[in-house]
Amino acid sequence: MRLHRGSSKDARDETPAPETLPLSASPSRVSVEVEVLRSGRRRRARFDVPTGTLVRTLVRMAGETPEGCAVLRDETPLPLDSPIEETVRLTVVPTFSGG
């Protein structure tokens, strides 16, 4: 039997290897807890976001204006354009208020 060019029935000796990810592959989503401190009050929110989400985006998701806030991881300030690569707890401190 002769098959025409491009046939999906073409005989193949090799079985394609299954796609597997190495154990060290990072998860596609991470959990982030955001605590907003304002006027002596605390407000907490938890978000499940894609790996690589920017700190700026999380501040907006928490209902704050990124440019008017300081963001800390433990006691270390984070730039707003830092990507989140792992589960983390962030503290957001608004640095000014309207008036």
Protein backbone atom coordinates (compact mmCIF):
# COMPACT_ATOMS: atom_id res chain seq x y z
CA MET A 1 0.00 0.00 0.00
CA ARG A 2 1.35 3.37 -0.95
CA LEU A 3 0.55 6.43 1.20
CA HIS A 4 0.39 9.94 -0.12
CA ARG A 5 2.75 12.65 1.12
CA GLY A 6 1.84 14.15 4.53
CA SER A 7 -0.32 11.26 5.60
CA SER A 8 -0.92 10.92 9.31
CA LYS A 9 -0.76 7.17 8.81
CA ASP A 10 2.93 7.27 7.94
CA ALA A 11 4.82 4.51 9.74
CA ARG A 12 6.85 5.76 12.68
CA ASP A 13 9.30 3.74 14.69
CA GLU A 14 9.77 6.15 17.57
CA THR A 15 7.19 6.96 20.19
CA PRO A 16 7.41 10.62 21.24
CA ALA A 17 8.71 11.15 24.76
CA PRO A 18 6.12 12.39 27.25
CA GLU A 19 6.54 15.96 28.42
CA THR A 20 7.60 16.16 32.03
CA LEU A 21 8.68 19.04 34.19
CA PRO A 22 11.69 18.75 36.48
CA LEU A 23 10.96 18.59 40.20
CA SER A 24 12.56 21.99 40.64
CA ALA A 25 10.07 23.70 38.31
CA SER A 26 8.40 26.63 39.98
CA PRO A 27 4.62 26.55 40.49
CA SER A 28 2.50 28.47 38.05
CA ARG A 29 0.62 30.24 40.87
CA VAL A 30 1.63 31.51 44.30
CA SER A 31 -0.25 32.60 47.41
CA VAL A 32 0.39 36.14 48.64
CA GLU A 33 -0.87 37.60 51.90
CA VAL A 34 -1.08 41.40 51.88
CA GLU A 35 -1.45 43.35 55.12
CA VAL A 36 -2.31 47.05 54.79
CA LEU A 37 -1.44 49.22 57.80
CA ARG A 38 -3.32 52.52 57.95
CA SER A 39 -4.02 54.77 60.94
CA GLY A 40 -3.24 52.06 63.47
CA ARG A 41 -5.61 49.59 61.77
CA ARG A 42 -4.73 46.43 59.89
CA ARG A 43 -6.52 44.98 56.91
CA ARG A 44 -5.49 41.62 55.48
CA ALA A 45 -6.19 39.97 52.15
CA ARG A 46 -4.92 36.79 50.51
CA PHE A 47 -4.48 36.48 46.76
CA ASP A 48 -3.64 33.51 44.53
CA VAL A 49 -1.71 35.02 41.61
CA PRO A 50 0.41 33.80 38.69
CA THR A 51 4.14 33.49 39.35
CA GLY A 52 5.83 36.71 38.23
CA THR A 53 3.00 39.06 39.26
CA LEU A 54 4.45 42.48 40.12
CA VAL A 55 4.28 43.95 43.62
CA ARG A 56 2.55 46.98 42.05
CA THR A 57 -0.31 44.75 40.87
CA LEU A 58 -0.77 43.23 44.33
CA VAL A 59 -0.93 46.68 45.94
CA ARG A 60 -3.70 47.63 43.47
CA MET A 61 -5.52 44.36 44.17
CA ALA A 62 -5.45 45.29 47.88
CA GLY A 63 -7.21 48.57 47.05
CA GLU A 64 -4.25 50.94 47.45
CA THR A 65 -2.39 53.27 45.09
CA PRO A 66 1.07 51.78 44.51
CA GLU A 67 2.84 55.10 44.01
CA GLY A 68 1.63 56.27 47.43
CA CYS A 69 2.76 53.22 49.40
CA ALA A 70 5.83 51.57 50.82
CA VAL A 71 5.86 47.78 50.47
CA LEU A 72 7.85 45.60 52.87
CA ARG A 73 8.76 41.93 52.91
CA ASP A 74 9.59 41.30 56.54
CA GLU A 75 11.49 44.55 57.21
CA THR A 76 12.97 44.93 53.73
CA PRO A 77 11.45 47.45 51.28
CA LEU A 78 10.53 46.04 47.87
CA PRO A 79 10.49 47.96 44.59
CA LEU A 80 7.04 48.09 43.00
CA ASP A 81 8.34 46.36 39.87
CA SER A 82 9.62 43.29 41.76
CA PRO A 83 8.09 40.04 40.49
CA ILE A 84 6.64 37.64 43.06
CA GLU A 85 8.17 34.20 42.54
CA GLU A 86 7.14 32.39 45.74
CA THR A 87 4.56 32.40 48.52
CA VAL A 88 5.12 35.58 50.51
CA ARG A 89 3.61 37.97 53.06
CA LEU A 90 3.79 41.68 52.18
CA THR A 91 3.12 44.69 54.38
CA VAL A 92 1.75 47.78 52.61
CA VAL A 93 2.09 51.15 54.36
CA PRO A 94 0.38 54.11 52.69
CA THR A 95 2.85 57.01 52.85
CA PHE A 96 0.43 59.89 52.23
CA SER A 97 -3.24 60.65 52.47
CA GLY A 98 -5.45 62.95 50.42
CA GLY A 99 -6.61 66.26 51.71
